[in-house]
Amino acid sequence: MKTEQFVLKVLAEAGKKRSLWLALAGAAAGLFLLSGAMQTTATFRSVMNRQKDLLGGDFLVINKKVSLLNTLSGRPGSFDEAEQKEIGKWPGIGAVGAFSGNRFKVRASFRAGMQASMPGLSTDMFLESVPDDFIDTDKEGWGWEEGDDEIPLIIPADYLKLYNFGFAQGQGLPLVPESVLQSVSFDLAVYGNGKSAAFRGRIAGFTNRIQSVLVPQEFMDYANGQFGDETGGNPGRLILRADDPSDPALTQRFTEAGYEMAGGDRLRTSRINSLLLLMMGAVLSLALLMIVLALLGIVQFAQILVYRSARDLQVLYLLGCTPAQLAAPLKRRFTVQLGLAAGVALGLTLALHLLLNIGLQQKGFETQALPSWEAFGLLALAVPLLGILLRRAISQAVKEACSG
């Protein structure tokens, strides 16, 4: 114990503490940047993942780009079976569903007085269907069997907004809420291939995922067989279940294949993800540089202490103290100080997490309650590694001083 106290006294007289504290402050700043960058990225990713339902969940709708060259050359804008299977094998794609379109004529009409709240109007329309697994509304009352007179339809929520705030207001027509539209029925005239039939249509729900008027797949298959022509080919659009629709790598793959992804929100989210990854890479690089410079500063400070006290250390070595015994007090001292720097970085990271949560919640975003485990896992890896490097450098410096 007396040897340890003497060694610490000798080293304290040999060094300037201001240089050490500056190096430790640099280490704390570097560690905070390291964990803070990871925490910030994890927080914003969590926010975007929690907003998936607003962007259509984990589903994507894609189509091939339409160009003048394709039009003039007659190249098809549809997906053949081989392309569908190939897309299904891409990393991050869980399932592939095809859109089926009507190959027959459809006319929907509300007769004046048919419903008290609806004006009389009539329009041609198109219908599509997708497998039921890709429907994002309540499936109660969804489905159709041959012989049913009523056909349930799902329409995009934006269509009703366009009618209410675009067409209806300009024409002096009454606004229609969702509940009223779901309570009324209308006529659907289906004809083609020399045949015709009349059905009743009703709105079964509204979708934020698919910008199309959907009918059950069973009805589409039946109607195409009865009233459709024989020119039906491959689907022009696909709906995909993706692990992460905003993954920049997936977006890049679509672009390279010449596919367009419906939904500007997802494209913006993908760009935000790319920007976050770029920013995180830059901050992590800066953090690593600061940590390396701080580690070099601490090691240099320790070496200066040892070299300035070399004569005293040599005397103690000749009196029987081993280099390990002489290095032990210095190792413990710097380990404690490195732990202090790590504690400061940990506290700042927790404060950053709290401030980010408060700011995002005030903006109406849902955030994760607990800090990111990646941030603290990075600290848990970085601090012991720095400690090992520092202790080895101290041992080497003491050995050289004793042998010199």
Protein backbone atom coordinates (compact mmCIF):
# COMPACT_ATOMS: atom_id res chain seq x y z
CA MET A 1 0.00 0.00 0.00
CA LYS A 2 2.85 2.32 0.83
CA THR A 3 4.41 1.56 -2.55
CA GLU A 4 1.14 2.43 -4.32
CA GLN A 5 0.80 5.72 -2.44
CA PHE A 6 4.39 6.61 -3.17
CA VAL A 7 3.98 5.84 -6.88
CA LEU A 8 0.85 7.99 -7.07
CA LYS A 9 2.60 10.83 -5.24
CA VAL A 10 5.54 10.68 -7.62
CA LEU A 11 3.28 10.63 -10.67
CA ALA A 12 1.12 13.47 -9.33
CA GLU A 13 4.16 15.69 -8.93
CA ALA A 14 5.28 14.90 -12.48
CA GLY A 15 2.14 15.72 -14.44
CA LYS A 16 -0.20 18.59 -15.22
CA LYS A 17 -3.79 17.62 -14.45
CA ARG A 18 -5.28 20.12 -16.93
CA SER A 19 -3.98 18.11 -19.88
CA LEU A 20 -5.51 14.93 -18.46
CA TRP A 21 -8.92 16.49 -17.91
CA LEU A 22 -8.95 17.89 -21.43
CA ALA A 23 -8.22 14.41 -22.78
CA LEU A 24 -10.94 12.90 -20.61
CA ALA A 25 -13.40 15.57 -21.76
CA GLY A 26 -12.55 14.64 -25.35
CA ALA A 27 -13.15 10.96 -24.56
CA ALA A 28 -16.53 11.78 -22.96
CA ALA A 29 -17.52 13.88 -25.99
CA GLY A 30 -16.49 11.15 -28.41
CA LEU A 31 -18.37 8.46 -26.48
CA PHE A 32 -21.44 10.70 -26.31
CA LEU A 33 -21.36 11.33 -30.05
CA LEU A 34 -21.03 7.60 -30.60
CA SER A 35 -24.00 6.63 -28.44
CA GLY A 36 -25.98 9.81 -29.19
CA ALA A 37 -25.87 9.25 -32.94
CA MET A 38 -27.12 5.70 -32.48
CA GLN A 39 -29.84 6.84 -30.06
CA THR A 40 -31.05 9.61 -32.40
CA THR A 41 -31.20 7.26 -35.38
CA ALA A 42 -33.04 4.61 -33.35
CA THR A 43 -35.57 7.17 -32.09
CA PHE A 44 -36.45 8.50 -35.53
CA ARG A 45 -36.61 4.99 -36.99
CA SER A 46 -39.00 4.01 -34.22
CA VAL A 47 -41.19 7.01 -34.98
CA MET A 48 -41.32 6.17 -38.69
CA ASN A 49 -42.06 2.50 -37.99
CA ARG A 50 -44.93 3.51 -35.71
CA GLN A 51 -46.36 5.65 -38.53
CA LYS A 52 -46.53 2.71 -40.97
CA ASP A 53 -50.30 2.42 -40.66
CA LEU A 54 -50.66 5.99 -41.89
CA LEU A 55 -48.56 5.15 -44.92
CA GLY A 56 -50.33 1.90 -45.77
CA GLY A 57 -48.69 -0.47 -43.31
CA ASP A 58 -46.09 -2.92 -44.62
CA PHE A 59 -47.53 -3.00 -48.13
CA LEU A 60 -46.37 -1.50 -51.41
CA VAL A 61 -48.06 -1.12 -54.79
CA ILE A 62 -45.74 -1.12 -57.80
CA ASN A 63 -46.09 -0.79 -61.56
CA LYS A 64 -43.76 -0.51 -64.51
CA LYS A 65 -42.83 2.95 -65.72
CA VAL A 66 -44.79 4.13 -68.73
CA SER A 67 -42.61 5.79 -71.37
CA LEU A 68 -43.09 6.95 -74.93
CA LEU A 69 -40.58 4.33 -76.11
CA ASN A 70 -42.63 1.52 -74.51
CA THR A 71 -45.80 2.89 -76.06
CA LEU A 72 -44.35 3.12 -79.57
CA SER A 73 -42.62 -0.27 -79.38
CA GLY A 74 -45.70 -1.99 -77.98
CA ARG A 75 -43.73 -3.41 -75.05
CA PRO A 76 -46.13 -4.58 -72.34
CA GLY A 77 -46.42 -2.68 -69.07
CA SER A 78 -47.53 -5.79 -67.17
CA PHE A 79 -45.78 -8.34 -64.97
CA ASP A 80 -45.53 -11.86 -66.30
CA GLU A 81 -45.44 -14.87 -63.99
CA ALA A 82 -41.64 -15.12 -64.05
CA GLU A 83 -41.28 -11.48 -62.98
CA GLN A 84 -43.77 -11.95 -60.17
CA LYS A 85 -41.84 -14.96 -58.85
CA GLU A 86 -38.54 -13.09 -59.15
CA ILE A 87 -39.87 -10.12 -57.15
CA GLY A 88 -41.15 -12.52 -54.50
CA LYS A 89 -37.57 -13.77 -54.00
CA TRP A 90 -36.14 -10.32 -53.33
CA PRO A 91 -34.81 -9.72 -49.81
CA GLY A 92 -37.40 -7.94 -47.67
CA ILE A 93 -40.42 -9.06 -49.75
CA GLY A 94 -42.78 -11.35 -47.85
CA ALA A 95 -45.63 -11.86 -50.32
CA VAL A 96 -46.72 -10.79 -53.80
CA GLY A 97 -50.31 -10.25 -54.87
CA ALA A 98 -51.60 -9.36 -58.34
CA PHE A 99 -54.30 -6.84 -59.24
CA SER A 100 -57.11 -8.24 -61.36
CA GLY A 101 -58.96 -5.69 -63.50
CA ASN A 102 -62.41 -5.84 -65.06
CA ARG A 103 -62.50 -6.85 -68.73
CA PHE A 104 -66.15 -5.84 -68.97
CA LYS A 105 -68.14 -2.60 -68.82
CA VAL A 106 -69.50 -1.33 -65.52
CA ARG A 107 -71.89 1.54 -64.91
CA ALA A 108 -72.88 2.77 -61.46
CA SER A 109 -75.91 4.98 -60.93
CA PHE A 110 -77.86 6.68 -58.18
CA ARG A 111 -81.38 7.44 -59.32
CA ALA A 112 -82.82 10.75 -58.14
CA GLY A 113 -84.85 10.02 -55.04
CA MET A 114 -83.31 6.57 -54.68
CA GLN A 115 -81.67 7.74 -51.46
CA ALA A 116 -82.80 10.90 -49.71
CA SER A 117 -79.26 12.07 -49.06
CA MET A 118 -77.81 11.34 -52.50
CA PRO A 119 -78.29 13.29 -55.75
CA GLY A 120 -79.05 11.48 -58.98
CA LEU A 121 -75.91 10.66 -60.96
CA SER A 122 -74.50 7.98 -63.21
CA THR A 123 -70.97 7.13 -64.28
CA ASP A 124 -68.86 4.49 -65.95
CA MET A 125 -66.27 3.02 -63.63
CA PHE A 126 -63.51 0.48 -63.36
CA LEU A 127 -63.10 -2.27 -60.80
CA GLU A 128 -60.12 -4.18 -59.49
CA SER A 129 -59.53 -6.94 -56.99
CA VAL A 130 -56.63 -8.18 -54.90
CA PRO A 131 -56.25 -11.27 -52.70
CA ASP A 132 -58.07 -10.88 -49.38
CA ASP A 133 -54.80 -11.03 -47.41
CA PHE A 134 -53.91 -7.57 -48.77
CA ILE A 135 -57.17 -5.87 -47.75
CA ASP A 136 -56.70 -3.32 -44.93
CA THR A 137 -60.34 -2.85 -43.88
CA ASP A 138 -62.74 -4.89 -41.76
CA LYS A 139 -63.55 -8.04 -43.73
CA GLU A 140 -66.96 -8.49 -42.10
CA GLY A 141 -69.49 -8.48 -44.91
CA TRP A 142 -66.73 -8.80 -47.50
CA GLY A 143 -67.03 -11.57 -50.04
CA TRP A 144 -69.30 -12.73 -52.82
CA GLU A 145 -70.82 -15.97 -54.07
CA GLU A 146 -72.45 -16.73 -57.39
CA GLY A 147 -76.14 -15.89 -57.08
CA ASP A 148 -75.64 -12.91 -54.74
CA ASP A 149 -77.31 -9.73 -55.97
CA GLU A 150 -75.26 -7.43 -53.77
CA ILE A 151 -71.61 -6.62 -54.40
CA PRO A 152 -69.50 -5.07 -51.61
CA LEU A 153 -66.98 -2.45 -52.72
CA ILE A 154 -64.01 -0.84 -51.01
CA ILE A 155 -63.05 2.61 -52.24
CA PRO A 156 -60.08 4.85 -51.43
CA ALA A 157 -60.76 7.34 -48.65
CA ASP A 158 -59.32 10.06 -50.90
CA TYR A 159 -62.09 9.51 -53.46
CA LEU A 160 -64.73 10.63 -50.99
CA LYS A 161 -62.64 13.68 -50.08
CA LEU A 162 -62.33 14.58 -53.76
CA TYR A 163 -66.10 14.35 -54.16
CA ASN A 164 -66.90 16.33 -51.01
CA PHE A 165 -64.33 19.10 -51.33
CA GLY A 166 -63.85 19.16 -55.10
CA PHE A 167 -66.92 18.17 -57.05
CA ALA A 168 -69.77 18.58 -54.54
CA GLN A 169 -68.90 22.05 -53.32
CA GLY A 170 -68.33 23.33 -56.85
CA GLN A 171 -71.68 21.95 -58.04
CA GLY A 172 -73.71 22.95 -55.00
CA LEU A 173 -74.31 19.32 -54.00
CA PRO A 174 -74.53 18.12 -50.38
CA LEU A 175 -71.44 16.74 -48.64
CA VAL A 176 -71.56 13.02 -47.88
CA PRO A 177 -69.97 11.55 -44.71
CA GLU A 178 -68.55 8.01 -44.72
CA SER A 179 -71.35 6.67 -42.51
CA VAL A 180 -74.03 7.87 -44.93
CA LEU A 181 -72.24 6.47 -47.97
CA GLN A 182 -71.92 3.07 -46.29
CA SER A 183 -75.62 3.01 -45.51
CA VAL A 184 -76.82 3.49 -49.08
CA SER A 185 -76.83 1.19 -52.08
CA PHE A 186 -76.67 1.92 -55.79
CA ASP A 187 -77.21 0.17 -59.11
CA LEU A 188 -74.35 -1.60 -60.87
CA ALA A 189 -74.93 -2.52 -64.50
CA VAL A 190 -72.43 -5.09 -65.78
CA TYR A 191 -72.32 -5.93 -69.48
CA GLY A 192 -70.08 -7.27 -72.19
CA ASN A 193 -69.57 -10.28 -74.42
CA GLY A 194 -73.21 -9.99 -75.53
CA LYS A 195 -74.48 -10.41 -71.96
CA SER A 196 -75.61 -8.09 -69.18
CA ALA A 197 -76.63 -8.27 -65.54
CA ALA A 198 -77.80 -5.90 -62.83
CA PHE A 199 -76.47 -5.88 -59.27
CA ARG A 200 -76.73 -3.72 -56.21
CA GLY A 201 -73.53 -2.21 -54.92
CA ARG A 202 -72.72 -1.06 -51.40
CA ILE A 203 -69.65 0.54 -49.86
CA ALA A 204 -68.14 -1.96 -47.41
CA GLY A 205 -65.21 0.20 -46.34
CA PHE A 206 -62.54 2.74 -47.17
CA THR A 207 -58.87 2.06 -47.78
CA ASN A 208 -55.77 4.18 -47.34
CA ARG A 209 -53.55 1.51 -48.87
CA ILE A 210 -54.87 0.96 -52.41
CA GLN A 211 -55.94 3.73 -54.77
CA SER A 212 -58.56 1.73 -56.61
CA VAL A 213 -62.17 0.57 -56.37
CA LEU A 214 -62.01 -3.00 -55.09
CA VAL A 215 -64.50 -5.84 -55.34
CA PRO A 216 -64.13 -9.40 -54.02
CA GLN A 217 -61.82 -11.62 -56.03
CA GLU A 218 -64.66 -14.17 -56.42
CA PHE A 219 -66.87 -11.64 -58.18
CA MET A 220 -64.06 -10.45 -60.44
CA ASP A 221 -63.24 -13.99 -61.55
CA TYR A 222 -66.93 -14.74 -62.19
CA ALA A 223 -67.67 -11.49 -64.05
CA ASN A 224 -64.57 -11.69 -66.22
CA GLY A 225 -65.54 -15.22 -67.16
CA GLN A 226 -69.14 -14.30 -67.98
CA PHE A 227 -68.90 -10.79 -69.43
CA GLY A 228 -65.23 -10.26 -70.19
CA ASP A 229 -63.31 -10.71 -73.41
CA GLU A 230 -60.46 -13.13 -73.85
CA THR A 231 -57.74 -10.47 -74.01
CA GLY A 232 -57.02 -10.50 -70.32
CA GLY A 233 -53.30 -10.80 -69.77
CA ASN A 234 -50.85 -10.28 -66.98
CA PRO A 235 -51.47 -7.79 -64.16
CA GLY A 236 -50.28 -4.22 -64.62
CA ARG A 237 -49.82 -3.67 -60.89
CA LEU A 238 -48.62 -5.76 -57.97
CA ILE A 239 -49.16 -5.36 -54.26
CA LEU A 240 -46.29 -6.48 -52.06
CA ARG A 241 -45.91 -7.21 -48.39
CA ALA A 242 -42.52 -5.81 -47.37
CA ASP A 243 -40.55 -6.07 -44.14
CA ASP A 244 -39.72 -2.35 -44.37
CA PRO A 245 -41.38 -0.38 -47.20
CA SER A 246 -39.11 2.61 -46.49
CA ASP A 247 -35.88 0.60 -46.85
CA PRO A 248 -33.62 2.66 -49.17
CA ALA A 249 -32.09 -0.53 -50.60
CA LEU A 250 -35.54 -1.79 -51.64
CA THR A 251 -36.42 1.56 -53.20
CA GLN A 252 -33.13 1.54 -55.11
CA ARG A 253 -33.86 -1.96 -56.41
CA PHE A 254 -37.27 -0.88 -57.70
CA THR A 255 -35.68 2.07 -59.47
CA GLU A 256 -33.00 -0.08 -61.09
CA ALA A 257 -35.65 -2.55 -62.31
CA GLY A 258 -37.71 0.25 -63.86
CA TYR A 259 -40.61 -0.05 -61.40
CA GLU A 260 -42.56 2.80 -59.83
CA MET A 261 -43.74 2.65 -56.23
CA ALA A 262 -47.11 4.20 -55.43
CA GLY A 263 -47.21 6.61 -52.51
CA GLY A 264 -45.03 9.69 -52.29
CA ASP A 265 -44.98 9.36 -48.48
CA ARG A 266 -43.05 6.11 -48.70
CA LEU A 267 -40.57 7.63 -51.12
CA ARG A 268 -40.04 10.55 -48.79
CA THR A 269 -39.65 8.16 -45.85
CA SER A 270 -37.08 6.18 -47.81
CA ARG A 271 -35.13 9.36 -48.54
CA ILE A 272 -35.31 10.33 -44.87
CA ASN A 273 -33.95 6.90 -43.95
CA SER A 274 -31.10 7.36 -46.43
CA LEU A 275 -30.35 10.79 -45.01
CA LEU A 276 -30.42 9.44 -41.45
CA LEU A 277 -28.00 6.68 -42.37
CA LEU A 278 -25.70 9.19 -44.07
CA MET A 279 -25.82 11.55 -41.10
CA MET A 280 -25.28 8.70 -38.64
CA GLY A 281 -22.25 7.55 -40.63
CA ALA A 282 -20.78 11.06 -40.57
CA VAL A 283 -21.38 11.52 -36.83
CA LEU A 284 -20.04 8.05 -36.00
CA SER A 285 -16.90 8.79 -38.03
CA LEU A 286 -16.44 12.04 -36.13
CA ALA A 287 -17.06 10.26 -32.83
CA LEU A 288 -14.49 7.56 -33.61
CA LEU A 289 -11.96 10.24 -34.58
CA MET A 290 -12.55 12.10 -31.32
CA ILE A 291 -12.26 8.90 -29.29
CA VAL A 292 -9.00 7.94 -31.00
CA LEU A 293 -7.55 11.42 -30.45
CA ALA A 294 -8.73 11.41 -26.82
CA LEU A 295 -7.23 7.95 -26.27
CA LEU A 296 -3.94 9.13 -27.77
CA GLY A 297 -4.04 12.16 -25.47
CA ILE A 298 -4.62 10.04 -22.37
CA VAL A 299 -1.92 7.56 -23.36
CA GLN A 300 0.50 10.37 -24.09
CA PHE A 301 -0.27 11.96 -20.73
CA ALA A 302 0.32 8.62 -18.99
CA GLN A 303 3.59 8.09 -20.85
CA ILE A 304 4.79 11.58 -19.94
CA LEU A 305 4.01 10.88 -16.29
CA VAL A 306 5.96 7.65 -16.45
CA TYR A 307 8.95 9.10 -18.30
CA ARG A 308 9.19 12.10 -15.98
CA SER A 309 9.17 9.71 -13.02
CA ALA A 310 11.47 7.17 -14.66
CA ARG A 311 14.34 7.61 -12.15
CA ASP A 312 12.04 7.07 -9.15
CA LEU A 313 10.40 4.10 -10.82
CA GLN A 314 13.83 2.58 -11.56
CA VAL A 315 14.78 2.93 -7.90
CA LEU A 316 11.60 1.15 -6.82
CA TYR A 317 12.26 -1.52 -9.45
CA LEU A 318 15.76 -2.09 -8.07
CA LEU A 319 14.30 -2.32 -4.57
CA GLY A 320 12.19 -5.29 -5.67
CA CYS A 321 8.97 -3.87 -7.12
CA THR A 322 7.86 -5.50 -10.38
CA PRO A 323 6.72 -3.46 -13.40
CA ALA A 324 3.21 -4.85 -12.88
CA GLN A 325 3.15 -3.54 -9.30
CA LEU A 326 4.37 -0.13 -10.42
CA ALA A 327 1.84 0.07 -13.26
CA ALA A 328 -1.15 -1.08 -11.19
CA PRO A 329 -1.83 2.27 -9.39
CA LEU A 330 -1.69 4.16 -12.67
CA LYS A 331 -3.97 1.64 -14.37
CA ARG A 332 -6.57 1.92 -11.61
CA ARG A 333 -6.43 5.69 -11.67
CA PHE A 334 -6.97 5.98 -15.39
CA THR A 335 -9.60 3.22 -15.41
CA VAL A 336 -11.65 5.17 -12.85
CA GLN A 337 -11.28 8.36 -14.86
CA LEU A 338 -12.25 6.60 -18.09
CA GLY A 339 -15.29 5.19 -16.27
CA LEU A 340 -16.15 8.75 -15.21
CA ALA A 341 -16.00 9.88 -18.85
CA ALA A 342 -18.24 6.94 -19.83
CA GLY A 343 -20.69 7.89 -17.07
CA VAL A 344 -20.89 11.44 -18.39
CA ALA A 345 -21.53 10.11 -21.92
CA LEU A 346 -24.23 7.77 -20.58
CA GLY A 347 -25.96 10.60 -18.73
CA LEU A 348 -25.89 12.85 -21.79
CA THR A 349 -27.33 10.04 -23.95
CA LEU A 350 -30.21 9.53 -21.51
CA ALA A 351 -30.86 13.28 -21.50
CA LEU A 352 -30.83 13.30 -25.30
CA HIS A 353 -33.36 10.45 -25.40
CA LEU A 354 -35.63 12.32 -22.99
CA LEU A 355 -35.42 15.59 -24.94
CA LEU A 356 -36.11 13.83 -28.25
CA ASN A 357 -39.15 12.09 -26.77
CA ILE A 358 -40.54 15.34 -25.35
CA GLY A 359 -40.03 17.21 -28.62
CA LEU A 360 -41.55 14.49 -30.81
CA GLN A 361 -44.50 13.91 -28.49
CA GLN A 362 -45.28 17.63 -28.57
CA LYS A 363 -45.46 17.29 -32.36
CA GLY A 364 -47.95 14.44 -32.01
CA PHE A 365 -45.61 11.50 -32.70
CA GLU A 366 -45.62 8.27 -30.72
CA THR A 367 -42.16 7.42 -29.38
CA GLN A 368 -40.49 4.52 -27.59
CA ALA A 369 -40.33 4.81 -23.80
CA LEU A 370 -36.99 3.07 -23.30
CA PRO A 371 -33.65 4.21 -24.74
CA SER A 372 -32.10 2.28 -27.60
CA TRP A 373 -30.21 -0.84 -26.58
CA GLU A 374 -27.91 -0.33 -29.56
CA ALA A 375 -26.64 2.95 -28.12
CA PHE A 376 -25.78 1.43 -24.76
CA GLY A 377 -24.48 -1.74 -26.37
CA LEU A 378 -22.07 0.44 -28.36
CA LEU A 379 -20.89 2.10 -25.15
CA ALA A 380 -20.54 -1.29 -23.47
CA LEU A 381 -18.23 -2.39 -26.28
CA ALA A 382 -16.28 0.84 -26.71
CA VAL A 383 -15.40 1.56 -23.06
CA PRO A 384 -13.83 -1.85 -22.21
CA LEU A 385 -11.92 -1.75 -25.51
CA LEU A 386 -10.53 1.69 -24.66
CA GLY A 387 -9.68 0.46 -21.16
CA ILE A 388 -7.74 -2.53 -22.52
CA LEU A 389 -5.77 -0.36 -24.95
CA LEU A 390 -5.02 2.19 -22.23
CA ARG A 391 -3.85 -0.42 -19.69
CA ARG A 392 -1.58 -2.05 -22.28
CA ALA A 393 -0.04 1.30 -23.16
CA ILE A 394 0.61 2.05 -19.47
CA SER A 395 2.19 -1.38 -18.90
CA GLN A 396 4.46 -0.91 -21.91
CA ALA A 397 5.52 2.58 -20.75
CA VAL A 398 6.34 1.37 -17.22
CA LYS A 399 8.35 -1.58 -18.56
CA GLU A 400 10.39 0.71 -20.78
CA ALA A 401 11.00 3.13 -17.90
CA CYS A 402 12.16 0.32 -15.57
CA SER A 403 14.46 -1.21 -18.16
CA GLY A 404 15.88 2.11 -19.30
